[in-house]
Amino acid sequence: MSEDAELRTPAMLIAARGIEKSFPGVHALRSARFDLARGEVHALMGENGAGKSTLMKILTGVYQPDAGEIILEGAPVSLHGPKSAQAKGISIIHQELYLMNHLTAAQNIFIGREPRFGLGMFVDEAAMNKAAAALFKRMKVDIDPQVEVGDLTVARQQLVEIAKALSYDSKVLIMDEPTSALNETEVDHLFAIIEDLKSQGVGIVYITHKMDEVMRIADRITIMRDGQYIETLPAKETPMSKVISLMVGRELADATRAEGVSSEEEVLRAVGLNRGNVIRDVSFTLRKGEILGFAGLMGAGRTEVARAIFGADPLESGEVHVHGKRAAIRSPQDAVRLGIAYLSEDRKHFGIVTRMSVRDNVTMASWPRFTWGGVFMRDGALEKVSAEYVKTLKVKTPSVEQETRLLSGGNQQKVVIAKWLLRDCDILIFDEPTRGIDIGAKAEIYALLQKLAAQGKAIIVISSELPEILRLSHRVVVMCEGRITGELDGNTATQEAIMTLATRRQVTAA
């Protein structure tokens, strides 16, 4: 059977061939191709900027291709928007959250298609909550359909996104980094759902940078690089080293652990920090030129500690000392004035302004330095300095005038880093610095953090990925249920030792 004939058989759900897509200054897709069979998980892999998300946006009607063909269940199809794709049984779970925080979980799931009564004049909240509860039960997660989404953690918000996609009873389900904010138990639940969907004939496109997930869940792997199709391989028979080589097309930076620090100069000290049940008597120190890793399971309190130090959330008690002096940090502005920067795990909401240019995002925290008389912006200086940081950090963008939303996740993260480097903060807190970032960009960010530490910056890295913590950290602080349960030397720490401390619900006496 010819390839063209195979794409038009009942077993093939959807196929794309010869897809072209360009944006101003960027040729995003070059004769890209992909296909998905019934009842399979097909992993789509590649570095950020490889074209994966652009191709999926074409398959879900968000973008229109400049050229090429999409075949759905054996027949050519045109997708003129997300609703058109959803009507044809194609749904997507986005990497970034698209929820409305002031609405309930059920309202977010069924917005625009709520069950109604009274000649359609009234929303049937009871029926909607019941349907949402059934979805959560199917997913084996305990979420109240009536809870406001803004009150949920990022992990549980992601589960609401998954429930929303499942509510369409889709034939084609695209999952773009669906486990980026999930813990191991939630991942297990998701994979059980995926297996159930496969048995029902649903085809799943699985986009991830996590190699272990691909080996565990995927049937086939398609690799893209620089907007082009590279190869499709059977997942179970293909070594991950080959997948990485095809994805990256270059040697990765050495994965050795961070070298020890020579400086004993203390730049930050937290003493007895408390806030409800999320921060309980937390004390630690941070030295000049050090990378201090914060490890723990989801909900351990790591992000809460970072936000409290940065002044984003109030403390009930405790002290923060910066360069040996007690600091009064009541707002992020206070923290920045003291040379503290915080790179949030949610970069789209708290790191960048997506519709602003790369130039403006890089320079926004330092704008007072680039004005005449505190009023007029010095555009030439802004252009020059932002271009310098784009070059130094190897940000892939056609120009500094490009809207930041059009950059890949890894390049957006580099823009956030550039913003704080320009502000010349000497204490940098990185919360999940490589979440949703490909393996090549991860290596670049690791090298950057190590270079910054070598230059004397003091860095806190919060990460749910233990290999990342072990690779970067000079010391590792481990938290469980709001408490610090132990500290490990970065050179001798192991994943087993970290997990032992991360599950220690009470600190035992020495």
Protein backbone atom coordinates (compact mmCIF):
# COMPACT_ATOMS: atom_id res chain seq x y z
CA MET A 1 0.00 0.00 0.00
CA SER A 2 1.38 3.44 -0.92
CA GLU A 3 1.95 6.03 1.79
CA ASP A 4 -0.83 8.22 0.40
CA ALA A 5 -3.28 5.30 0.43
CA GLU A 6 -2.25 4.37 3.98
CA LEU A 7 -3.04 7.89 5.19
CA ARG A 8 -6.59 7.51 3.88
CA THR A 9 -7.43 4.22 5.61
CA PRO A 10 -9.93 4.05 8.52
CA ALA A 11 -7.06 3.18 10.89
CA MET A 12 -5.45 6.59 10.33
CA LEU A 13 -7.17 9.35 12.30
CA ILE A 14 -5.35 12.42 11.10
CA ALA A 15 -2.37 13.21 8.90
CA ALA A 16 -0.58 16.38 7.83
CA ARG A 17 1.70 16.56 4.81
CA GLY A 18 3.83 19.34 3.31
CA ILE A 19 2.77 21.92 5.91
CA GLU A 20 4.30 25.37 5.50
CA LYS A 21 3.88 28.28 7.88
CA SER A 22 5.69 31.61 8.11
CA PHE A 23 5.42 34.57 10.48
CA PRO A 24 7.15 37.93 10.09
CA GLY A 25 10.85 37.11 10.10
CA VAL A 26 10.32 33.42 10.94
CA HIS A 27 9.83 30.40 8.67
CA ALA A 28 8.22 28.27 11.39
CA LEU A 29 7.36 25.13 9.38
CA ARG A 30 9.05 23.77 6.27
CA SER A 31 7.23 20.87 4.59
CA ALA A 32 6.32 19.48 8.01
CA ARG A 33 4.50 16.17 8.34
CA PHE A 34 2.82 14.11 11.03
CA ASP A 35 0.23 11.35 11.33
CA LEU A 36 -1.76 9.72 14.11
CA ALA A 37 -3.46 6.30 14.13
CA ARG A 38 -6.48 5.22 16.14
CA GLY A 39 -5.71 4.06 19.65
CA GLU A 40 -2.06 5.16 19.72
CA VAL A 41 0.06 7.62 21.63
CA HIS A 42 2.35 9.39 19.19
CA ALA A 43 5.04 11.50 20.88
CA LEU A 44 6.09 14.67 19.07
CA MET A 45 9.55 15.74 20.17
CA GLY A 46 12.01 18.50 19.41
CA GLU A 47 13.66 21.51 20.99
CA ASN A 48 11.66 24.64 21.74
CA GLY A 49 11.37 26.45 18.44
CA ALA A 50 11.37 23.17 16.49
CA GLY A 51 7.81 23.87 15.28
CA LYS A 52 5.86 21.38 17.38
CA SER A 53 3.39 23.85 18.86
CA THR A 54 2.94 25.65 15.54
CA LEU A 55 2.09 22.36 13.81
CA MET A 56 -0.39 21.48 16.55
CA LYS A 57 -2.00 24.93 16.30
CA ILE A 58 -2.57 24.20 12.63
CA LEU A 59 -4.14 20.84 13.46
CA THR A 60 -6.46 22.59 15.94
CA GLY A 61 -7.44 25.44 13.61
CA VAL A 62 -5.64 28.21 15.52
CA TYR A 63 -3.38 28.90 12.53
CA GLN A 64 -4.07 28.37 8.85
CA PRO A 65 -1.25 26.67 6.90
CA ASP A 66 0.38 28.58 4.04
CA ALA A 67 0.60 25.31 2.11
CA GLY A 68 0.06 21.58 2.62
CA GLU A 69 -2.81 19.19 3.31
CA ILE A 70 -4.61 17.87 6.40
CA ILE A 71 -6.41 14.53 6.10
CA LEU A 72 -8.95 13.62 8.79
CA GLU A 73 -10.31 10.07 8.82
CA GLY A 74 -9.36 9.58 5.20
CA ALA A 75 -10.65 12.84 3.71
CA PRO A 76 -9.02 16.27 3.20
CA VAL A 77 -10.28 18.84 5.66
CA SER A 78 -10.01 22.58 6.29
CA LEU A 79 -9.96 23.76 9.88
CA HIS A 80 -11.10 27.38 10.15
CA GLY A 81 -10.71 27.89 13.88
CA PRO A 82 -10.60 26.02 17.20
CA LYS A 83 -14.38 25.52 17.23
CA SER A 84 -14.19 23.94 13.79
CA ALA A 85 -11.50 21.55 15.01
CA GLN A 86 -13.41 20.71 18.20
CA ALA A 87 -16.56 20.02 16.17
CA LYS A 88 -14.51 17.50 14.17
CA GLY A 89 -13.25 15.80 17.33
CA ILE A 90 -9.84 17.48 17.76
CA SER A 91 -8.97 18.94 21.19
CA ILE A 92 -5.79 20.24 22.79
CA ILE A 93 -4.48 20.58 26.34
CA HIS A 94 -2.17 23.58 26.19
CA GLN A 95 1.21 23.82 27.89
CA GLU A 96 0.22 27.23 29.27
CA LEU A 97 -2.99 27.48 31.28
CA TYR A 98 -6.00 29.15 29.66
CA LEU A 99 -8.36 29.26 32.62
CA MET A 100 -10.39 32.08 34.19
CA ASN A 101 -9.43 32.31 37.84
CA HIS A 102 -12.70 33.90 39.00
CA LEU A 103 -14.84 31.05 37.61
CA THR A 104 -15.36 27.63 39.15
CA ALA A 105 -13.74 24.46 37.82
CA ALA A 106 -17.06 23.37 36.29
CA GLN A 107 -17.66 26.78 34.70
CA ASN A 108 -14.19 26.70 33.14
CA ILE A 109 -14.76 23.22 31.72
CA PHE A 110 -18.12 24.01 30.11
CA ILE A 111 -17.83 27.72 29.35
CA GLY A 112 -19.72 28.59 26.17
CA ARG A 113 -21.64 25.30 26.17
CA GLU A 114 -23.26 25.24 29.59
CA PRO A 115 -26.37 23.07 30.13
CA ARG A 116 -29.43 25.32 30.33
CA PHE A 117 -33.10 25.27 31.25
CA GLY A 118 -36.06 27.65 31.05
CA LEU A 119 -35.96 28.01 27.23
CA GLY A 120 -32.19 28.43 27.43
CA MET A 121 -32.37 31.49 29.65
CA PHE A 122 -30.77 29.97 32.76
CA VAL A 123 -27.57 28.00 33.28
CA ASP A 124 -28.18 24.63 34.95
CA GLU A 125 -25.40 24.85 37.54
CA ALA A 126 -26.38 21.55 39.18
CA ALA A 127 -26.14 19.62 35.90
CA MET A 128 -22.86 21.33 35.05
CA ASN A 129 -21.35 20.50 38.45
CA LYS A 130 -22.53 16.91 38.14
CA ALA A 131 -20.92 16.54 34.71
CA ALA A 132 -17.65 18.06 35.96
CA ALA A 133 -17.68 15.75 38.99
CA ALA A 134 -18.05 12.76 36.66
CA LEU A 135 -15.01 13.90 34.67
CA PHE A 136 -12.89 14.29 37.81
CA LYS A 137 -14.05 10.87 39.02
CA ARG A 138 -13.01 9.37 35.68
CA MET A 139 -9.59 11.00 36.14
CA LYS A 140 -9.41 9.71 39.75
CA VAL A 141 -8.75 13.20 41.13
CA ASP A 142 -10.46 14.91 44.04
CA ILE A 143 -11.44 18.40 42.87
CA ASP A 144 -14.61 20.18 43.93
CA PRO A 145 -16.40 21.32 40.72
CA GLN A 146 -17.53 24.47 42.57
CA VAL A 147 -14.08 25.62 43.70
CA GLU A 148 -12.78 28.81 42.08
CA VAL A 149 -9.88 27.95 39.80
CA GLY A 150 -7.83 30.83 41.20
CA ASP A 151 -7.80 29.03 44.56
CA LEU A 152 -6.22 25.89 43.06
CA THR A 153 -2.52 25.16 42.75
CA VAL A 154 -0.92 25.19 39.31
CA ALA A 155 -0.93 21.37 39.34
CA ARG A 156 -4.66 21.16 40.00
CA GLN A 157 -5.40 23.89 37.47
CA GLN A 158 -3.65 21.68 34.91
CA LEU A 159 -6.01 18.84 35.84
CA VAL A 160 -8.97 21.14 35.17
CA GLU A 161 -7.50 21.81 31.70
CA ILE A 162 -7.28 18.07 31.09
CA ALA A 163 -10.88 17.56 32.22
CA LYS A 164 -11.98 20.35 29.87
CA ALA A 165 -10.33 18.62 26.90
CA LEU A 166 -11.79 15.25 27.85
CA SER A 167 -15.28 16.78 28.05
CA TYR A 168 -15.37 17.05 24.24
CA ASP A 169 -15.14 13.24 23.78
CA SER A 170 -12.45 13.88 21.21
CA LYS A 171 -11.12 11.42 18.63
CA VAL A 172 -7.81 13.29 18.50
CA LEU A 173 -6.44 14.60 21.80
CA ILE A 174 -3.28 16.73 21.75
CA MET A 175 -1.42 16.98 25.06
CA ASP A 176 1.23 19.72 25.11
CA GLU A 177 3.45 19.15 28.19
CA PRO A 178 0.47 17.90 30.24
CA THR A 179 2.54 16.73 33.22
CA SER A 180 4.69 19.86 33.62
CA ALA A 181 2.97 20.75 36.91
CA LEU A 182 1.87 17.29 38.09
CA ASN A 183 3.36 15.14 40.83
CA GLU A 184 4.03 11.42 40.40
CA THR A 185 0.62 10.31 41.67
CA GLU A 186 -1.16 12.74 39.33
CA VAL A 187 1.02 11.58 36.43
CA ASP A 188 0.05 7.98 37.18
CA HIS A 189 -3.62 9.00 37.10
CA LEU A 190 -3.14 10.79 33.79
CA PHE A 191 -1.41 7.80 32.23
CA ALA A 192 -4.24 5.54 33.39
CA ILE A 193 -6.66 7.91 31.64
CA ILE A 194 -4.52 7.80 28.51
CA GLU A 195 -4.55 3.99 28.47
CA ASP A 196 -8.33 4.04 28.85
CA LEU A 197 -8.68 6.51 25.98
CA LYS A 198 -6.41 4.39 23.78
CA SER A 199 -8.62 1.35 24.38
CA GLN A 200 -11.56 3.43 23.14
CA GLY A 201 -9.74 4.23 19.88
CA VAL A 202 -8.78 7.80 20.76
CA GLY A 203 -5.49 8.94 19.21
CA ILE A 204 -3.22 11.02 21.43
CA VAL A 205 -0.47 13.38 20.34
CA TYR A 206 1.89 13.67 23.29
CA ILE A 207 4.31 16.61 23.33
CA THR A 208 6.90 16.44 26.10
CA HIS A 209 10.57 16.93 26.90
CA LYS A 210 10.56 14.17 29.53
CA MET A 211 12.29 11.15 28.08
CA ASP A 212 11.07 8.73 30.75
CA GLU A 213 7.44 9.59 29.93
CA VAL A 214 8.00 8.90 26.25
CA MET A 215 9.43 5.46 26.99
CA ARG A 216 6.54 4.73 29.32
CA ILE A 217 3.56 5.94 27.31
CA ALA A 218 4.38 6.40 23.60
CA ASP A 219 3.94 3.97 20.72
CA ARG A 220 5.77 6.08 18.14
CA ILE A 221 8.02 9.13 18.22
CA THR A 222 8.25 11.83 15.56
CA ILE A 223 11.17 14.23 15.83
CA MET A 224 11.21 17.79 14.48
CA ARG A 225 14.08 20.25 14.27
CA ASP A 226 14.09 23.85 13.02
CA GLY A 227 10.53 23.55 11.68
CA GLN A 228 11.26 20.41 9.67
CA TYR A 229 10.29 16.75 9.96
CA ILE A 230 13.32 14.61 10.86
CA GLU A 231 12.18 11.02 11.49
CA THR A 232 9.46 8.78 12.95
CA LEU A 233 10.61 5.88 15.12
CA PRO A 234 9.05 3.10 17.25
CA ALA A 235 9.27 4.29 20.86
CA LYS A 236 10.01 0.98 22.60
CA GLU A 237 12.82 0.03 20.21
CA THR A 238 14.61 3.36 20.01
CA PRO A 239 17.32 4.36 22.51
CA MET A 240 16.79 7.78 24.03
CA SER A 241 20.35 8.72 23.07
CA LYS A 242 19.31 8.48 19.42
CA VAL A 243 16.18 10.59 20.02
CA ILE A 244 18.24 13.28 21.76
CA SER A 245 20.82 13.27 18.98
CA LEU A 246 18.11 13.72 16.33
CA MET A 247 16.36 16.44 18.35
CA VAL A 248 19.40 18.52 19.13
CA GLY A 249 21.68 17.88 16.18
CA ARG A 250 24.65 18.92 18.29
CA GLU A 251 26.71 17.98 21.34
CA LEU A 252 25.14 18.95 24.65
CA ALA A 253 27.02 20.66 27.45
CA ASP A 254 28.72 18.40 29.96
CA ALA A 255 26.33 17.19 32.63
CA THR A 256 28.83 17.16 35.51
CA ARG A 257 27.79 18.47 38.90
CA ALA A 258 28.48 22.00 40.03
CA GLU A 259 31.91 22.61 41.51
CA GLY A 260 32.20 23.66 45.14
CA VAL A 261 32.11 27.32 46.10
CA SER A 262 35.10 29.08 47.58
CA SER A 263 33.29 32.08 49.05
CA GLU A 264 31.96 31.97 52.60
CA GLU A 265 30.39 35.42 52.29
CA GLU A 266 26.76 35.22 53.37
CA VAL A 267 24.39 37.33 51.24
CA LEU A 268 20.99 36.09 52.46
CA ARG A 269 19.75 34.62 55.73
CA ALA A 270 16.21 33.53 56.55
CA VAL A 271 15.43 33.10 60.25
CA GLY A 272 12.29 31.40 61.59
CA LEU A 273 9.96 32.24 58.69
CA ASN A 274 6.31 31.35 59.30
CA ARG A 275 3.07 31.72 57.35
CA GLY A 276 0.17 29.46 58.30
CA ASN A 277 0.73 25.81 57.42
CA VAL A 278 2.67 26.52 54.22
CA ILE A 279 5.83 27.95 55.85
CA ARG A 280 6.81 26.54 59.24
CA ASP A 281 9.92 27.82 61.03
CA VAL A 282 12.07 27.95 57.87
CA SER A 283 15.69 29.03 58.31
CA PHE A 284 18.58 28.84 55.83
CA THR A 285 21.55 30.79 54.46
CA LEU A 286 22.75 31.60 50.95
CA ARG A 287 26.36 32.46 50.09
CA LYS A 288 27.95 34.51 47.34
CA GLY A 289 28.70 32.41 44.26
CA GLU A 290 26.50 29.55 45.46
CA ILE A 291 23.63 27.68 43.84
CA LEU A 292 21.31 26.50 46.63
CA GLY A 293 18.80 23.90 45.48
CA PHE A 294 15.33 23.66 47.04
CA ALA A 295 13.82 20.19 46.62
CA GLY A 296 10.56 18.65 47.77
CA LEU A 297 7.28 17.23 46.55
CA MET A 298 4.44 19.35 45.18
CA GLY A 299 3.00 21.47 47.98
CA ALA A 300 6.11 21.23 50.16
CA GLY A 301 6.24 25.04 50.51
CA ARG A 302 9.26 25.86 48.34
CA THR A 303 7.50 28.42 46.13
CA GLU A 304 5.78 29.94 49.17
CA VAL A 305 9.17 30.54 50.82
CA ALA A 306 10.51 32.19 47.66
CA ARG A 307 7.47 34.43 47.29
CA ALA A 308 7.66 35.47 50.95
CA ILE A 309 11.34 36.41 50.66
CA PHE A 310 10.53 38.39 47.51
CA GLY A 311 7.73 40.25 49.28
CA ALA A 312 4.97 38.81 47.10
CA ASP A 313 3.25 37.16 50.10
CA PRO A 314 3.28 38.42 53.73
CA LEU A 315 5.04 36.59 56.55
CA GLU A 316 3.44 36.11 59.96
CA SER A 317 6.83 36.02 61.69
CA GLY A 318 10.52 35.62 61.01
CA GLU A 319 13.37 37.72 59.66
CA VAL A 320 15.20 38.09 56.35
CA HIS A 321 18.76 39.44 56.41
CA VAL A 322 20.45 40.71 53.24
CA HIS A 323 24.23 41.25 53.31
CA GLY A 324 24.19 40.97 57.09
CA LYS A 325 21.46 43.53 57.73
CA ARG A 326 17.84 42.84 58.66
CA ALA A 327 15.67 43.74 55.67
CA ALA A 328 12.12 45.08 55.68
CA ILE A 329 10.66 43.46 52.56
CA ARG A 330 6.97 44.27 52.27
CA SER A 331 6.67 44.19 48.48
CA PRO A 332 8.54 42.95 45.39
CA GLN A 333 9.69 46.54 44.86
CA ASP A 334 11.47 46.41 48.24
CA ALA A 335 13.12 43.13 47.24
CA VAL A 336 14.32 44.43 43.88
CA ARG A 337 15.79 47.53 45.55
CA LEU A 338 17.79 45.15 47.76
CA GLY A 339 19.07 43.28 44.71
CA ILE A 340 16.73 40.26 44.88
CA ALA A 341 15.10 38.90 41.72
CA TYR A 342 12.43 36.19 41.50
CA LEU A 343 11.78 34.22 38.31
CA SER A 344 8.34 32.67 38.81
CA GLU A 345 7.40 29.14 37.74
CA ASP A 346 4.55 30.82 35.80
CA ARG A 347 6.58 33.03 33.45
CA LYS A 348 3.60 34.00 31.27
CA HIS A 349 1.78 35.62 34.20
CA PHE A 350 4.64 36.84 36.37
CA GLY A 351 7.75 36.96 34.17
CA ILE A 352 6.98 38.55 30.82
CA VAL A 353 4.35 40.66 29.13
CA THR A 354 3.64 38.43 26.16
CA ARG A 355 2.41 41.13 23.77
CA MET A 356 5.32 43.44 24.46
CA SER A 357 8.52 43.25 22.45
CA VAL A 358 11.65 41.42 23.50
CA ARG A 359 13.30 44.82 23.94
CA ASP A 360 10.66 46.11 26.32
CA ASN A 361 10.57 42.89 28.35
CA VAL A 362 14.34 42.86 28.79
CA THR A 363 14.49 46.50 29.85
CA MET A 364 11.21 47.05 31.77
CA ALA A 365 12.69 46.51 35.24
CA SER A 366 15.40 49.08 34.45
CA TRP A 367 13.41 51.76 32.57
CA PRO A 368 14.31 54.61 34.98
CA ARG A 369 17.93 54.20 33.84
CA PHE A 370 16.92 54.84 30.22
CA THR A 371 14.99 58.09 30.44
CA TRP A 372 15.80 61.77 29.89
CA GLY A 373 14.61 63.80 32.84
CA GLY A 374 12.59 60.83 34.06
CA VAL A 375 10.09 61.33 31.20
CA PHE A 376 11.43 60.53 27.72
CA MET A 377 12.68 57.05 26.87
CA ARG A 378 16.11 56.72 25.24
CA ASP A 379 15.05 54.31 22.51
CA GLY A 380 18.52 53.92 21.05
CA ALA A 381 19.97 52.86 24.39
CA LEU A 382 17.09 50.41 24.98
CA GLU A 383 17.66 48.90 21.54
CA LYS A 384 21.41 48.54 22.09
CA VAL A 385 21.34 47.02 25.57
CA SER A 386 18.53 44.57 24.79
CA ALA A 387 20.36 43.44 21.64
CA GLU A 388 23.48 42.83 23.73
CA TYR A 389 21.60 40.57 26.15
CA VAL A 390 19.85 38.76 23.31
CA LYS A 391 23.27 38.00 21.84
CA THR A 392 24.86 37.04 25.17
CA LEU A 393 22.05 34.67 26.17
CA LYS A 394 21.59 33.34 22.61
CA VAL A 395 17.91 34.25 22.46
CA LYS A 396 16.47 33.00 19.17
CA THR A 397 14.48 35.94 17.79
CA PRO A 398 14.50 37.71 14.42
CA SER A 399 14.88 41.05 16.23
CA VAL A 400 14.42 42.72 19.62
CA GLU A 401 11.16 44.18 18.25
CA GLN A 402 9.58 40.71 18.02
CA GLU A 403 6.58 40.17 20.31
CA THR A 404 7.71 37.90 23.14
CA ARG A 405 4.64 35.66 22.78
CA LEU A 406 6.02 34.43 19.46
CA LEU A 407 9.19 33.04 21.05
CA SER A 408 9.56 29.46 22.25
CA GLY A 409 9.32 28.70 25.98
CA GLY A 410 13.07 28.42 26.38
CA ASN A 411 13.69 31.74 24.69
CA GLN A 412 10.98 33.42 26.77
CA GLN A 413 12.76 32.17 29.88
CA LYS A 414 16.02 33.66 28.64
CA VAL A 415 14.24 37.01 28.19
CA VAL A 416 13.14 36.89 31.86
CA ILE A 417 16.71 36.10 32.92
CA ALA A 418 18.00 38.99 30.79
CA LYS A 419 15.55 41.37 32.50
CA TRP A 420 16.96 40.61 35.94
CA LEU A 421 20.59 40.53 34.80
CA LEU A 422 20.17 44.02 33.35
CA ARG A 423 18.66 45.13 36.67
CA ASP A 424 21.93 43.81 38.18
CA CYS A 425 20.35 41.79 40.97
CA ASP A 426 22.93 39.79 42.92
CA ILE A 427 20.44 37.37 44.53
CA LEU A 428 18.49 35.36 41.92
CA ILE A 429 15.63 33.00 42.81
CA PHE A 430 14.73 30.62 39.97
CA ASP A 431 11.44 28.76 40.47
CA GLU A 432 11.26 25.78 38.07
CA PRO A 433 13.68 27.48 35.64
CA THR A 434 13.40 24.82 32.91
CA ARG A 435 9.73 23.81 33.15
CA GLY A 436 8.44 23.19 29.63
CA ILE A 437 11.87 23.78 28.10
CA ASP A 438 13.60 21.37 25.75
CA ILE A 439 16.77 19.47 26.51
CA GLY A 440 19.03 21.73 24.42
CA ALA A 441 17.74 24.94 25.99
CA LYS A 442 18.00 23.31 29.43
CA ALA A 443 21.70 22.69 28.89
CA GLU A 444 22.17 26.35 27.89
CA ILE A 445 20.32 27.59 30.99
CA TYR A 446 22.30 25.24 33.24
CA ALA A 447 25.54 26.61 31.78
CA LEU A 448 24.25 30.16 32.27
CA LEU A 449 23.36 29.60 35.93
CA GLN A 450 26.76 28.07 36.60
CA LYS A 451 28.44 31.01 34.87
CA LEU A 452 26.44 33.50 36.95
CA ALA A 453 27.42 31.68 40.16
CA ALA A 454 31.06 31.77 39.07
CA GLN A 455 30.69 35.54 38.65
CA GLY A 456 29.54 35.82 42.28
CA LYS A 457 25.75 35.81 41.92
CA ALA A 458 23.93 33.98 44.72
CA ILE A 459 21.27 31.69 43.27
CA ILE A 460 18.35 29.69 44.66
CA VAL A 461 16.97 27.03 42.31
CA ILE A 462 13.58 25.47 43.06
CA SER A 463 12.98 22.40 40.93
CA SER A 464 10.77 19.32 40.92
CA GLU A 465 13.30 17.52 38.72
CA LEU A 466 15.82 15.78 40.99
CA PRO A 467 18.48 15.34 38.26
CA GLU A 468 18.33 19.12 37.77
CA ILE A 469 18.77 19.77 41.50
CA LEU A 470 21.70 17.34 41.67
CA ARG A 471 23.38 18.78 38.59
CA LEU A 472 23.20 22.43 39.65
CA SER A 473 23.32 22.62 43.43
CA HIS A 474 26.28 23.20 45.73
CA ARG A 475 23.91 22.52 48.64
CA VAL A 476 20.40 21.07 48.68
CA VAL A 477 17.68 22.13 51.13
CA VAL A 478 14.76 19.69 51.27
CA MET A 479 11.24 20.62 52.38
CA CYS A 480 8.13 18.68 53.36
CA GLU A 481 4.79 20.17 54.43
CA GLY A 482 6.20 23.67 54.93
CA ARG A 483 9.25 22.60 56.94
CA ILE A 484 12.90 22.15 56.06
CA THR A 485 13.55 18.47 56.80
CA GLY A 486 17.23 18.38 55.94
CA GLU A 487 20.21 19.80 54.08
CA LEU A 488 22.59 17.84 51.82
CA ASP A 489 25.96 18.52 50.25
CA GLY A 490 25.52 18.86 46.51
CA ASN A 491 28.54 16.70 45.74
CA THR A 492 27.31 13.70 47.69
CA ALA A 493 23.50 14.08 47.56
CA THR A 494 21.49 11.34 45.85
CA GLN A 495 17.92 11.13 44.60
CA GLU A 496 17.21 8.52 47.30
CA ALA A 497 18.50 10.80 50.06
CA ILE A 498 16.44 13.73 48.77
CA MET A 499 13.26 11.64 48.52
CA THR A 500 13.78 10.31 52.05
CA LEU A 501 13.84 13.87 53.38
CA ALA A 502 11.04 15.01 51.04
CA THR A 503 8.67 12.44 52.56
CA ARG A 504 9.71 13.00 56.19
CA ARG A 505 6.56 14.54 57.61
CA GLN A 506 8.18 15.57 60.91
CA VAL A 507 11.76 16.50 61.65
CA THR A 508 13.24 13.81 63.83
CA ALA A 509 15.47 14.61 66.75
CA ALA A 510 19.19 14.29 66.11
